[in-house]
Protein backbone atom coordinates (compact mmCIF):
# COMPACT_ATOMS: atom_id res chain seq x y z
CA UNK A 1 3.79 9.64 -12.12
CA UNK A 2 6.51 7.07 -11.93
CA UNK A 3 5.07 3.68 -11.20
CA UNK A 4 7.78 2.67 -8.57
CA UNK A 5 9.18 5.78 -7.05
CA UNK A 6 11.90 5.56 -4.41
CA UNK A 7 10.14 6.47 -1.26
CA UNK A 8 12.12 8.02 1.63
CA UNK A 9 11.33 8.44 5.29
CA UNK A 10 13.04 11.00 7.60
CA UNK A 11 15.95 9.58 9.54
CA UNK A 12 14.20 11.21 12.61
CA UNK A 13 11.37 8.65 12.27
CA UNK A 14 12.19 5.64 14.57
CA UNK A 15 12.05 2.15 13.00
CA UNK A 16 9.02 1.18 15.23
CA UNK A 17 7.08 4.39 14.53
CA UNK A 18 4.24 4.17 12.24
CA UNK A 19 3.14 7.75 11.87
CA UNK A 20 5.54 8.89 9.15
CA UNK A 21 5.42 10.92 6.08
CA UNK A 22 7.34 9.57 3.11
CA UNK A 23 8.48 11.55 0.06
CA UNK A 24 9.62 10.59 -3.48
CA UNK A 25 11.69 12.74 -5.73
CA UNK A 26 9.75 12.76 -9.15
CA UNK A 27 11.74 15.78 -10.61
CA UNK A 28 10.38 18.23 -11.21
CA UNK A 29 7.76 17.14 -8.70
CA UNK A 30 7.93 15.84 -5.16
CA UNK A 31 5.27 13.22 -4.02
CA UNK A 32 4.21 12.96 -0.43
CA UNK A 33 2.22 10.01 1.24
CA UNK A 34 1.35 8.52 4.60
CA UNK A 35 3.49 5.60 5.59
CA UNK A 36 0.52 3.80 7.04
CA UNK A 37 -1.34 3.85 3.77
CA UNK A 38 1.26 3.35 0.90
CA UNK A 39 -1.30 2.77 -1.61
CA UNK A 40 -3.53 5.72 -0.51
CA UNK A 41 -3.72 9.30 -1.79
CA UNK A 42 -0.55 11.19 -2.61
CA UNK A 43 0.05 14.91 -2.48
CA UNK A 44 2.19 16.11 -5.43
CA UNK A 45 3.98 19.35 -5.20
CA UNK A 46 6.35 21.14 -7.48
CA UNK A 47 9.87 21.51 -5.85
CA UNK A 48 9.41 25.22 -4.99
CA UNK A 49 6.12 24.45 -3.03
CA UNK A 50 7.80 21.34 -1.31
CA UNK A 51 10.78 23.44 -0.09
CA UNK A 52 8.35 26.13 1.08
CA UNK A 53 6.11 23.65 2.94
CA UNK A 54 9.02 21.72 4.49
CA UNK A 55 10.74 25.01 5.62
CA UNK A 56 7.54 26.19 7.18
CA UNK A 57 6.98 22.95 9.00
CA UNK A 58 10.54 23.07 10.33
CA UNK A 59 9.92 26.53 11.55
CA UNK A 60 6.87 25.40 13.39
CA UNK A 61 4.45 27.45 11.26
CA UNK A 62 1.95 24.55 11.04
CA UNK A 63 0.37 22.57 13.93
CA UNK A 64 0.75 18.98 12.81
CA UNK A 65 -0.66 17.18 15.94
């Protein structure tokens, strides 16, 4: 995995909000982490799995509360 990937946070996340998921493009993979714990564990998915997961989250298929 890249040592210093460029992590992005959704534009829907407010500047003051601390409960965010960040993603990094590590083509052909996508890394996901909790913004409150940037040195903590990361979830690494292939791009197809990431697109499926993000689509299902947007559709409300997962309870993320």
